[in-house]
Amino acid sequence: MPKITAITLGCKLNYAESSAILDLLSKKGWEISSYEKNEDLIIINTCAVTKQAEQKCRQKIRKIIRDNPGSRIVVTGCYAQLSPEVLCKIDGVNAILGSSDKYALPLYEVIGNIESSLPLISVSEIKKEKTIFPGYSLPATFASERTRAFLKIQDGCDYGCAYCTIPFARGRSRSFSPDDIIAQASALVASGYREIVLTGVNIGDYRYRGVRLAALLRMLEKVPVARIRISSIEPDILDDALIAVVAASEIIAPHFHLPLQSGSDAVLRAMCRRYDTAGYRQRILRAVEAIADCSVSSDVMVGYPGESADDYRNMYRFLEGLPISSLHVFSCSVRPGTQLAEQVATKKREVVDPDECRQRSSELIKLGNLKKSRFMEGYVGMECMVLFEESQKGANGTRKYSGYTRNYLRVTVTVSESSVHLAGSILPVFIEGIDDDLNLMGRLLF
C-alpha cells in the first residue's frame, strides 16, 4: 500500500483541504502517514498571500525535496494556481496541481508512477469554477490530542479588494449546502472532536438558496459539539442578526476576527474595502456590548502604497481607541495582476519607504501586545472554562497542558505527569497570571 502525507502552508482552509484530500485518497487505497522520511508521495499545499509567503513556500519545497530523495513531490494550493511557471523550475517537483485540480484523485496514481524528469502540470481555469470541493479535518483518531476540527463551508471571494489575488487563486464565492455542512460536522464530532472551526475564503459571504451565515449557525447548534468557532469574517458581515445568534448561543464561541487592514478612511477607499472606520468601530462596539466575554481580534496592513504619515497616525489613534483583544500586523505586499500592482506600475500610488514600514510595524506590534495584555488582565483572578488541546513534558515529573477559553484566550496549566489525561476535556481553571508569551496561566479547579 503506497504511503502519502501532506505538508500544509498558509491558512486554516488549506489545512482543511489537505486533510480532506488525504482522507479521500485513503479510501482509494493510499496509507496516510505522518511526515517522517521518504513517503511514496508528499503533497505540499502552498500559500501565496504575500511575497514572503511565496518565498517560504519555495524554501520549504526545496528542503522537503532534499530530505526525501525517494519521494514523489506534488505542489498544489494558491501558489501553484497563480505561478506554476515558477514552481516547475524547482528541480525535484514531480507535479503541480491547481486549486481544483488537486481533487482529481486519479492524477495521484499517475504521479506515483511518473518517470518523466519534467513535472506534470495540471492547472485549470478557476475564475468561473462553480464546483465547491471538500475541506475537513481528518478523523480525530489520527491524532491522540486533536480536539479542534476545521470545516470548510465556503470557497472563493467576490469582493475584489485592490491588493488581493485570492479571486485569481480561488475563483468566485460558492458555498456548501447546510445539509452537507451539518452531515460533515456530525461526522467530525462522532470521530472525537470537541470544537469545530468554520472556515473558508470569505465565510461571512456564505449563502445557499437564501440561507446566510447567521441562519447556518442556528442550524449547526443542533450538532452535539461543545464549541463552534467562526474563523475570520469581513467587517461588513458582522450585523445585528449574526451578533444576536452568537449572543444567544451556548456553543458558538464569542470571538470574532475582523480584518481592519487600515485605520485610515482614505486608504480603505483606495483598497476598495466595503466599510469605513466609523462603521468598523460601530460593529465592534455592538458585539462587545451584546455578547458576554466577547473578544475581537484584528489585523492591519502597514505601508500600503500611498499611505502617508497622516494616514498612519490616523490608523494608530483609531486602533488605540478600539476594544480589541489582539492585533496581527503585516506589511503590504504588492501582488502581480492586481489593481494595486497596476497603480504602482503607473506611479498612481507610491511605495512606502521600507524603513518607514518597519518602524510603523514595530509601533503597531507594541500597541497590539499592550492591547492583548490589558484584555487578558481582566481575567486574572477569574474562573474560565478551558478546552485543553495539547501538552508537553515539563520539569520534575510535570506536564504542561494548553488550551483555549470560549473567547479564544490561550491558557496553560502545569500538572503532575501521572495526572489524568486532559486533552479533549473542558475544565474549570482559576487564572493566576500572564506569562511572557502573553498566555494566561492558571490552575485546575477539580
Protein backbone atom coordinates (compact mmCIF):
# COMPACT_ATOMS: atom_id res chain seq x y z
CA MET A 1 0.00 0.00 0.00
CA PRO A 2 1.61 3.32 -1.08
CA LYS A 3 2.15 5.92 1.65
CA ILE A 4 1.14 9.55 1.34
CA THR A 5 1.40 12.64 3.52
CA ALA A 6 0.66 16.36 3.19
CA ILE A 7 2.67 19.38 4.29
CA THR A 8 0.45 22.45 4.57
CA LEU A 9 1.48 26.09 4.49
CA GLY A 10 -0.84 29.04 5.00
CA CYS A 11 -4.39 29.32 6.25
CA LYS A 12 -6.84 27.08 8.09
CA LEU A 13 -8.66 26.48 4.82
CA ASN A 14 -5.52 24.93 3.34
CA TYR A 15 -5.26 22.60 6.33
CA ALA A 16 -8.89 21.53 5.91
CA GLU A 17 -8.40 20.85 2.21
CA SER A 18 -5.14 18.93 2.69
CA SER A 19 -6.83 16.70 5.25
CA ALA A 20 -9.84 16.09 3.01
CA ILE A 21 -7.61 15.08 0.10
CA LEU A 22 -5.71 12.65 2.33
CA ASP A 23 -8.99 11.20 3.59
CA LEU A 24 -10.33 10.75 0.05
CA LEU A 25 -7.08 9.12 -1.10
CA SER A 26 -7.08 6.79 1.90
CA LYS A 27 -10.42 5.47 0.65
CA LYS A 28 -8.70 4.74 -2.68
CA GLY A 29 -6.05 2.56 -1.06
CA TRP A 30 -3.36 5.05 -0.02
CA GLU A 31 -1.95 4.84 3.50
CA ILE A 32 -1.80 8.16 5.35
CA SER A 33 1.44 8.66 7.25
CA SER A 34 2.85 11.34 9.49
CA TYR A 35 5.63 13.39 7.93
CA GLU A 36 8.80 11.45 8.52
CA LYS A 37 11.02 10.32 5.66
CA ASN A 38 10.57 9.12 2.10
CA GLU A 39 6.84 8.51 1.85
CA ASP A 40 5.85 7.42 -1.64
CA LEU A 41 4.14 10.74 -2.31
CA ILE A 42 4.26 14.08 -0.50
CA ILE A 43 1.67 16.79 -1.16
CA ILE A 44 2.81 20.35 -0.42
CA ASN A 45 -0.17 22.71 -0.15
CA THR A 46 1.08 26.26 -0.66
CA CYS A 47 0.16 29.86 0.16
CA ALA A 48 0.61 32.98 -1.98
CA VAL A 49 -0.89 35.75 0.13
CA THR A 50 2.39 37.73 0.15
CA LYS A 51 5.81 37.68 -1.50
CA GLN A 52 7.20 36.46 1.80
CA ALA A 53 4.72 33.57 1.86
CA GLU A 54 5.81 32.52 -1.62
CA GLN A 55 9.46 32.67 -0.61
CA LYS A 56 8.79 30.47 2.41
CA CYS A 57 6.97 28.00 0.16
CA ARG A 58 9.92 27.74 -2.21
CA GLN A 59 12.32 27.23 0.70
CA LYS A 60 10.08 24.55 2.20
CA ILE A 61 9.66 22.75 -1.12
CA ARG A 62 13.42 22.59 -1.68
CA LYS A 63 14.03 21.33 1.87
CA ILE A 64 11.42 18.60 1.52
CA ILE A 65 12.95 17.51 -1.79
CA ARG A 66 16.42 17.37 -0.21
CA ASP A 67 15.19 15.41 2.79
CA ASN A 68 13.10 12.96 0.73
CA PRO A 69 15.05 11.95 -2.39
CA GLY A 70 12.89 8.88 -2.92
CA SER A 71 9.51 10.61 -2.72
CA ARG A 72 7.26 11.96 -5.46
CA ILE A 73 6.55 15.64 -4.79
CA VAL A 74 3.21 17.27 -5.62
CA VAL A 75 2.90 21.05 -5.22
CA THR A 76 -0.61 22.45 -5.05
CA GLY A 77 -2.54 25.33 -3.47
CA CYS A 78 -2.77 29.03 -4.25
CA TYR A 79 0.87 29.44 -5.29
CA ALA A 80 0.52 26.53 -7.71
CA GLN A 81 -2.62 28.08 -9.20
CA LEU A 82 -1.07 31.53 -9.62
CA SER A 83 2.53 30.73 -10.60
CA PRO A 84 3.02 27.20 -11.97
CA GLU A 85 5.74 28.54 -14.28
CA VAL A 86 7.84 29.46 -11.25
CA LEU A 87 7.33 26.22 -9.34
CA CYS A 88 8.04 23.98 -12.32
CA LYS A 89 11.62 25.32 -12.34
CA ILE A 90 12.32 23.79 -8.92
CA ASP A 91 14.29 20.62 -9.55
CA GLY A 92 12.61 17.61 -7.96
CA VAL A 93 8.98 18.71 -8.25
CA ASN A 94 7.03 15.93 -9.97
CA ALA A 95 3.65 17.61 -10.34
CA ILE A 96 1.92 20.96 -9.99
CA LEU A 97 -1.84 20.89 -9.40
CA GLY A 98 -4.11 23.93 -9.39
CA SER A 99 -6.82 24.80 -6.89
CA SER A 100 -9.46 22.50 -8.38
CA ASP A 101 -7.06 20.01 -9.99
CA LYS A 102 -5.76 18.85 -6.60
CA TYR A 103 -9.05 17.00 -6.14
CA ALA A 104 -8.59 14.92 -9.31
CA LEU A 105 -7.78 11.73 -7.38
CA PRO A 106 -6.70 9.60 -10.40
CA LEU A 107 -3.86 12.08 -11.01
CA TYR A 108 -2.13 10.95 -7.83
CA GLU A 109 -1.87 7.40 -9.16
CA VAL A 110 -0.37 8.76 -12.37
CA ILE A 111 2.08 10.95 -10.45
CA GLY A 112 3.08 7.99 -8.28
CA ASN A 113 4.24 6.14 -11.38
CA ILE A 114 5.56 9.02 -13.47
CA GLU A 115 9.03 8.55 -14.94
CA SER A 116 9.47 11.85 -16.78
CA SER A 117 12.02 14.35 -15.48
CA LEU A 118 9.57 17.13 -16.36
CA PRO A 119 6.76 17.85 -13.90
CA LEU A 120 3.15 17.09 -14.71
CA ILE A 121 1.28 20.41 -14.72
CA SER A 122 -2.49 20.48 -14.34
CA VAL A 123 -3.78 23.98 -13.58
CA SER A 124 -7.32 24.63 -14.75
CA GLU A 125 -9.05 27.99 -15.10
CA ILE A 126 -10.59 28.84 -11.72
CA LYS A 127 -12.37 32.11 -12.48
CA LYS A 128 -15.67 30.51 -13.45
CA GLU A 129 -15.42 27.37 -11.30
CA LYS A 130 -18.85 26.51 -9.90
CA THR A 131 -17.96 23.32 -8.04
CA ILE A 132 -17.01 23.58 -4.39
CA PHE A 133 -14.59 20.92 -3.23
CA PRO A 134 -14.47 19.47 0.31
CA GLY A 135 -12.32 20.56 3.21
CA TYR A 136 -12.41 18.98 6.66
CA SER A 137 -10.02 17.67 9.28
CA LEU A 138 -9.05 14.02 9.34
CA PRO A 139 -10.95 11.92 11.90
CA ALA A 140 -9.68 12.66 15.39
CA THR A 141 -8.43 9.08 15.70
CA PHE A 142 -5.42 10.07 13.57
CA ALA A 143 -4.02 12.17 16.44
CA SER A 144 -4.49 11.43 20.13
CA GLU A 145 -4.54 15.09 21.25
CA ARG A 146 -6.51 16.56 18.37
CA THR A 147 -9.61 18.31 19.72
CA ARG A 148 -10.34 21.09 17.20
CA ALA A 149 -11.53 20.36 13.65
CA PHE A 150 -11.59 22.67 10.65
CA LEU A 151 -14.65 22.51 8.40
CA LYS A 152 -14.86 24.29 5.06
CA ILE A 153 -18.25 25.85 4.38
CA GLN A 154 -17.38 28.27 1.56
CA ASP A 155 -14.73 28.99 -1.09
CA GLY A 156 -13.77 31.91 -3.32
CA CYS A 157 -14.41 35.63 -3.00
CA ASP A 158 -16.33 38.28 -4.96
CA TYR A 159 -15.11 41.30 -3.00
CA GLY A 160 -12.36 42.41 -5.38
CA CYS A 161 -10.06 44.28 -2.99
CA ALA A 162 -7.42 46.22 -4.91
CA TYR A 163 -4.44 44.39 -3.40
CA CYS A 164 -5.73 40.80 -3.31
CA THR A 165 -5.03 37.80 -5.57
CA ILE A 166 -7.44 35.43 -3.84
CA PRO A 167 -10.14 35.70 -6.54
CA PHE A 168 -7.48 34.66 -9.09
CA ALA A 169 -6.38 31.73 -6.92
CA ARG A 170 -9.78 30.62 -5.61
CA GLY A 171 -12.45 31.87 -8.01
CA ARG A 172 -15.94 33.16 -7.30
CA SER A 173 -17.70 32.77 -3.97
CA ARG A 174 -19.61 29.50 -3.61
CA SER A 175 -20.95 27.55 -0.64
CA PHE A 176 -21.86 24.07 0.55
CA SER A 177 -25.47 23.28 1.37
CA PRO A 178 -26.49 23.38 5.05
CA ASP A 179 -27.28 19.65 4.88
CA ASP A 180 -23.76 18.83 3.66
CA ILE A 181 -22.19 21.01 6.36
CA ILE A 182 -24.29 19.54 9.16
CA ALA A 183 -23.54 15.99 7.99
CA GLN A 184 -19.79 16.63 7.90
CA ALA A 185 -19.86 18.42 11.26
CA SER A 186 -21.71 15.48 12.79
CA ALA A 187 -19.12 13.06 11.39
CA LEU A 188 -16.28 15.11 12.89
CA VAL A 189 -17.96 15.14 16.29
CA ALA A 190 -18.58 11.39 16.10
CA SER A 191 -14.86 10.86 15.45
CA GLY A 192 -13.98 12.64 18.69
CA TYR A 193 -13.64 16.38 18.08
CA ARG A 194 -14.90 18.80 20.73
CA GLU A 195 -14.70 22.02 18.69
CA ILE A 196 -15.39 22.81 15.04
CA VAL A 197 -13.91 25.87 13.34
CA LEU A 198 -15.88 27.02 10.31
CA THR A 199 -13.51 28.09 7.59
CA GLY A 200 -13.41 29.32 4.01
CA VAL A 201 -12.06 32.22 1.98
CA ASN A 202 -14.88 34.60 2.94
CA ILE A 203 -17.25 32.69 5.19
CA GLY A 204 -19.25 35.79 6.00
CA ASP A 205 -20.38 35.66 2.37
CA TYR A 206 -21.87 32.20 2.97
CA ARG A 207 -25.11 31.85 1.05
CA TYR A 208 -27.02 28.82 -0.16
CA ARG A 209 -30.55 29.22 -1.53
CA GLY A 210 -31.33 32.10 0.79
CA VAL A 211 -29.52 30.71 3.84
CA ARG A 212 -26.87 33.10 5.18
CA LEU A 213 -24.27 32.62 7.90
CA ALA A 214 -26.49 33.52 10.87
CA ALA A 215 -29.14 31.01 9.80
CA LEU A 216 -26.50 28.33 9.18
CA LEU A 217 -25.15 28.83 12.71
CA ARG A 218 -28.62 28.30 14.17
CA MET A 219 -28.86 25.03 12.23
CA LEU A 220 -25.42 23.91 13.43
CA GLU A 221 -26.44 24.35 17.06
CA LYS A 222 -28.27 21.02 16.69
CA VAL A 223 -24.93 19.23 16.23
CA PRO A 224 -23.81 17.74 19.59
CA VAL A 225 -20.49 19.58 19.77
CA ALA A 226 -19.05 21.54 22.68
CA ARG A 227 -17.99 24.56 20.63
CA ILE A 228 -18.42 26.05 17.19
CA ARG A 229 -15.98 28.77 16.25
CA ILE A 230 -16.20 31.25 13.38
CA SER A 231 -12.94 31.98 11.58
CA SER A 232 -12.18 35.38 10.05
CA ILE A 233 -15.14 37.33 8.64
CA GLU A 234 -15.31 40.62 6.80
CA PRO A 235 -16.42 43.59 8.95
CA ASP A 236 -19.46 44.38 6.81
CA ILE A 237 -20.85 40.92 7.64
CA LEU A 238 -20.97 41.47 11.41
CA ASP A 239 -24.58 42.61 11.51
CA ASP A 240 -27.22 42.55 14.23
CA ALA A 241 -28.56 39.15 13.12
CA LEU A 242 -25.16 37.47 13.48
CA ILE A 243 -24.46 39.20 16.79
CA ALA A 244 -27.85 38.06 18.13
CA VAL A 245 -27.20 34.42 17.20
CA VAL A 246 -23.82 34.39 18.95
CA ALA A 247 -25.16 36.25 21.99
CA ALA A 248 -27.94 33.71 22.50
CA SER A 249 -25.83 30.60 21.90
CA GLU A 250 -24.16 28.37 24.46
CA ILE A 251 -21.89 26.66 21.92
CA ILE A 252 -20.94 29.35 19.38
CA ALA A 253 -17.69 30.90 20.60
CA PRO A 254 -17.87 34.64 21.43
CA HIS A 255 -14.87 35.58 19.34
CA PHE A 256 -14.65 37.42 16.03
CA HIS A 257 -11.62 38.06 13.86
CA LEU A 258 -12.39 41.17 11.81
CA PRO A 259 -9.64 42.25 9.41
CA LEU A 260 -9.35 46.03 9.53
CA GLN A 261 -6.47 46.37 7.02
CA SER A 262 -6.23 50.13 7.57
CA GLY A 263 -7.45 52.66 10.11
CA SER A 264 -7.40 55.44 7.52
CA ASP A 265 -10.59 56.04 5.53
CA ALA A 266 -8.57 57.32 2.58
CA VAL A 267 -6.55 54.11 2.44
CA LEU A 268 -9.65 51.95 2.92
CA ARG A 269 -11.22 53.62 -0.12
CA ALA A 270 -8.05 53.01 -2.14
CA MET A 271 -8.14 49.35 -1.08
CA CYS A 272 -11.78 49.06 -2.27
CA ARG A 273 -12.85 47.84 1.17
CA ARG A 274 -16.58 47.78 1.92
CA TYR A 275 -16.60 49.81 5.15
CA ASP A 276 -15.12 52.89 6.78
CA THR A 277 -13.59 53.31 10.23
CA ALA A 278 -16.82 54.60 11.77
CA GLY A 279 -18.74 51.55 10.58
CA TYR A 280 -16.00 49.20 11.75
CA ARG A 281 -15.97 50.72 15.22
CA GLN A 282 -19.76 50.68 15.46
CA ARG A 283 -19.92 46.95 14.66
CA ILE A 284 -17.27 46.06 17.23
CA LEU A 285 -18.99 48.11 19.93
CA ARG A 286 -22.32 46.42 19.21
CA ALA A 287 -20.69 42.99 19.50
CA VAL A 288 -18.84 43.59 22.78
CA GLU A 289 -21.90 45.24 24.33
CA ALA A 290 -24.29 42.46 23.31
CA ILE A 291 -22.14 39.35 23.85
CA ALA A 292 -20.75 38.35 27.24
CA ASP A 293 -16.94 37.93 27.25
CA CYS A 294 -16.77 38.79 23.56
CA SER A 295 -13.26 39.18 22.17
CA VAL A 296 -12.44 40.77 18.83
CA SER A 297 -9.09 40.31 17.13
CA SER A 298 -7.98 42.17 14.03
CA ASP A 299 -5.20 42.61 11.53
CA VAL A 300 -3.78 45.63 9.78
CA MET A 301 -1.66 46.14 6.70
CA VAL A 302 1.21 48.59 7.09
CA GLY A 303 2.80 50.51 4.24
CA TYR A 304 0.03 50.32 1.66
CA PRO A 305 1.34 52.28 -1.34
CA GLY A 306 0.31 55.89 -0.90
CA GLU A 307 -0.10 55.54 2.88
CA SER A 308 1.03 58.92 4.22
CA ALA A 309 2.33 59.81 7.66
CA ASP A 310 -1.11 61.26 8.42
CA ASP A 311 -2.80 58.05 7.28
CA TYR A 312 -0.58 56.07 9.62
CA ARG A 313 -1.20 58.40 12.57
CA ASN A 314 -4.94 58.14 11.95
CA MET A 315 -4.65 54.35 11.98
CA TYR A 316 -2.65 54.30 15.21
CA ARG A 317 -5.10 56.60 17.00
CA PHE A 318 -8.05 54.61 15.69
CA LEU A 319 -6.58 51.33 16.93
CA GLU A 320 -5.80 52.87 20.32
CA GLY A 321 -9.49 53.53 20.84
CA LEU A 322 -10.78 50.11 19.74
CA PRO A 323 -11.76 47.44 22.29
CA ILE A 324 -9.78 44.68 20.56
CA SER A 325 -8.14 41.69 22.23
CA SER A 326 -5.23 41.15 19.81
CA LEU A 327 -3.73 42.56 16.64
CA HIS A 328 -1.84 40.94 13.78
CA VAL A 329 0.41 43.38 11.88
CA PHE A 330 1.91 42.73 8.45
CA SER A 331 3.48 44.78 5.67
CA CYS A 332 1.74 45.31 2.36
CA SER A 333 2.94 43.07 -0.46
CA VAL A 334 2.17 44.29 -3.98
CA ARG A 335 0.88 41.23 -5.86
CA PRO A 336 1.19 40.82 -9.64
CA GLY A 337 -2.03 41.17 -11.61
CA THR A 338 -3.86 43.22 -9.01
CA GLN A 339 -5.33 46.68 -9.34
CA LEU A 340 -2.74 47.86 -6.83
CA ALA A 341 0.14 46.49 -8.90
CA GLU A 342 -1.11 48.46 -11.90
CA GLN A 343 -1.40 51.63 -9.80
CA VAL A 344 2.17 51.22 -8.55
CA ALA A 345 3.49 50.48 -12.04
CA THR A 346 1.84 53.62 -13.44
CA LYS A 347 3.02 55.74 -10.48
CA LYS A 348 -0.52 56.45 -9.33
CA ARG A 349 0.47 55.18 -5.89
CA GLU A 350 3.97 55.45 -4.43
CA VAL A 351 5.57 52.60 -2.49
CA VAL A 352 6.26 53.47 1.15
CA ASP A 353 9.91 53.50 2.22
CA PRO A 354 10.83 50.05 3.68
CA ASP A 355 12.48 51.57 6.76
CA GLU A 356 9.35 53.59 7.44
CA CYS A 357 7.27 50.42 7.05
CA ARG A 358 9.40 48.61 9.60
CA GLN A 359 9.09 51.47 12.07
CA ARG A 360 5.32 51.62 11.70
CA SER A 361 5.05 47.83 12.05
CA SER A 362 7.15 47.88 15.20
CA GLU A 363 4.97 50.55 16.80
CA LEU A 364 1.75 48.73 15.94
CA ILE A 365 3.07 45.39 17.18
CA LYS A 366 3.85 47.03 20.53
CA LEU A 367 0.36 48.52 20.60
CA GLY A 368 -1.14 45.12 19.79
CA ASN A 369 0.78 43.45 22.61
CA LEU A 370 -0.38 46.16 25.01
CA LYS A 371 -4.00 45.65 23.91
CA LYS A 372 -3.70 41.89 24.37
CA SER A 373 -2.09 42.21 27.79
CA ARG A 374 -4.75 44.63 29.03
CA PHE A 375 -7.55 42.41 27.76
CA MET A 376 -6.05 39.38 29.48
CA GLU A 377 -5.55 41.24 32.75
CA GLY A 378 -9.32 41.34 33.07
CA TYR A 379 -9.33 37.56 33.51
CA VAL A 380 -6.67 37.28 36.22
CA GLY A 381 -8.42 36.11 39.39
CA MET A 382 -11.36 34.75 37.37
CA GLU A 383 -12.54 31.22 36.62
CA CYS A 384 -12.61 30.18 32.94
CA MET A 385 -13.70 27.01 31.18
CA VAL A 386 -10.80 25.77 29.06
CA LEU A 387 -10.81 23.20 26.25
CA PHE A 388 -7.43 21.53 26.55
CA GLU A 389 -5.74 20.62 23.29
CA GLU A 390 -2.09 19.68 23.65
CA SER A 391 0.67 19.07 26.14
CA GLN A 392 4.41 18.89 26.51
CA LYS A 393 6.65 17.30 29.09
CA GLY A 394 7.72 19.65 31.87
CA ALA A 395 10.37 19.54 34.58
CA ASN A 396 10.37 17.37 37.71
CA GLY A 397 7.70 14.92 36.62
CA THR A 398 5.21 17.51 35.39
CA ARG A 399 3.30 18.05 32.18
CA LYS A 400 2.23 21.41 30.74
CA TYR A 401 -1.18 21.47 29.07
CA SER A 402 -2.54 24.30 26.96
CA GLY A 403 -5.98 25.07 25.66
CA TYR A 404 -8.40 27.87 24.88
CA THR A 405 -11.26 29.68 26.55
CA ARG A 406 -14.51 30.20 24.67
CA ASN A 407 -13.32 33.65 23.59
CA TYR A 408 -10.01 32.30 22.27
CA LEU A 409 -7.55 33.14 25.04
CA ARG A 410 -4.74 30.61 25.38
CA VAL A 411 -4.38 29.14 28.86
CA THR A 412 -1.64 26.90 30.27
CA VAL A 413 -1.67 24.73 33.38
CA THR A 414 1.03 22.52 34.86
CA VAL A 415 0.05 19.17 36.37
CA SER A 416 1.89 16.06 37.53
CA GLU A 417 2.85 13.58 34.82
CA SER A 418 0.67 10.96 36.49
CA SER A 419 -2.46 13.14 36.39
CA VAL A 420 -5.47 12.36 34.26
CA HIS A 421 -5.10 12.98 30.50
CA LEU A 422 -6.57 16.44 29.87
CA ALA A 423 -6.61 16.77 26.05
CA GLY A 424 -10.18 16.98 24.84
CA SER A 425 -11.55 17.91 28.26
CA ILE A 426 -13.30 21.17 29.10
CA LEU A 427 -12.37 22.02 32.67
CA PRO A 428 -12.57 24.99 35.06
CA VAL A 429 -9.31 26.87 35.54
CA PHE A 430 -8.55 29.64 38.03
CA ILE A 431 -6.46 32.26 36.18
CA GLU A 432 -3.43 33.29 38.22
CA GLY A 433 -1.39 35.42 35.82
CA ILE A 434 0.04 36.10 32.37
CA ASP A 435 3.31 34.62 31.10
CA ASP A 436 5.99 36.26 28.95
CA ASP A 437 4.38 34.91 25.76
CA LEU A 438 1.05 36.57 26.64
CA ASN A 439 -0.70 33.33 27.58
CA LEU A 440 -2.90 33.08 30.64
CA MET A 441 -1.55 30.82 33.40
CA GLY A 442 -3.81 29.01 35.82
CA ARG A 443 -4.55 26.01 38.00
CA LEU A 444 -7.23 23.39 37.65
CA LEU A 445 -10.27 23.64 39.91
CA PHE A 446 -11.16 19.98 40.29
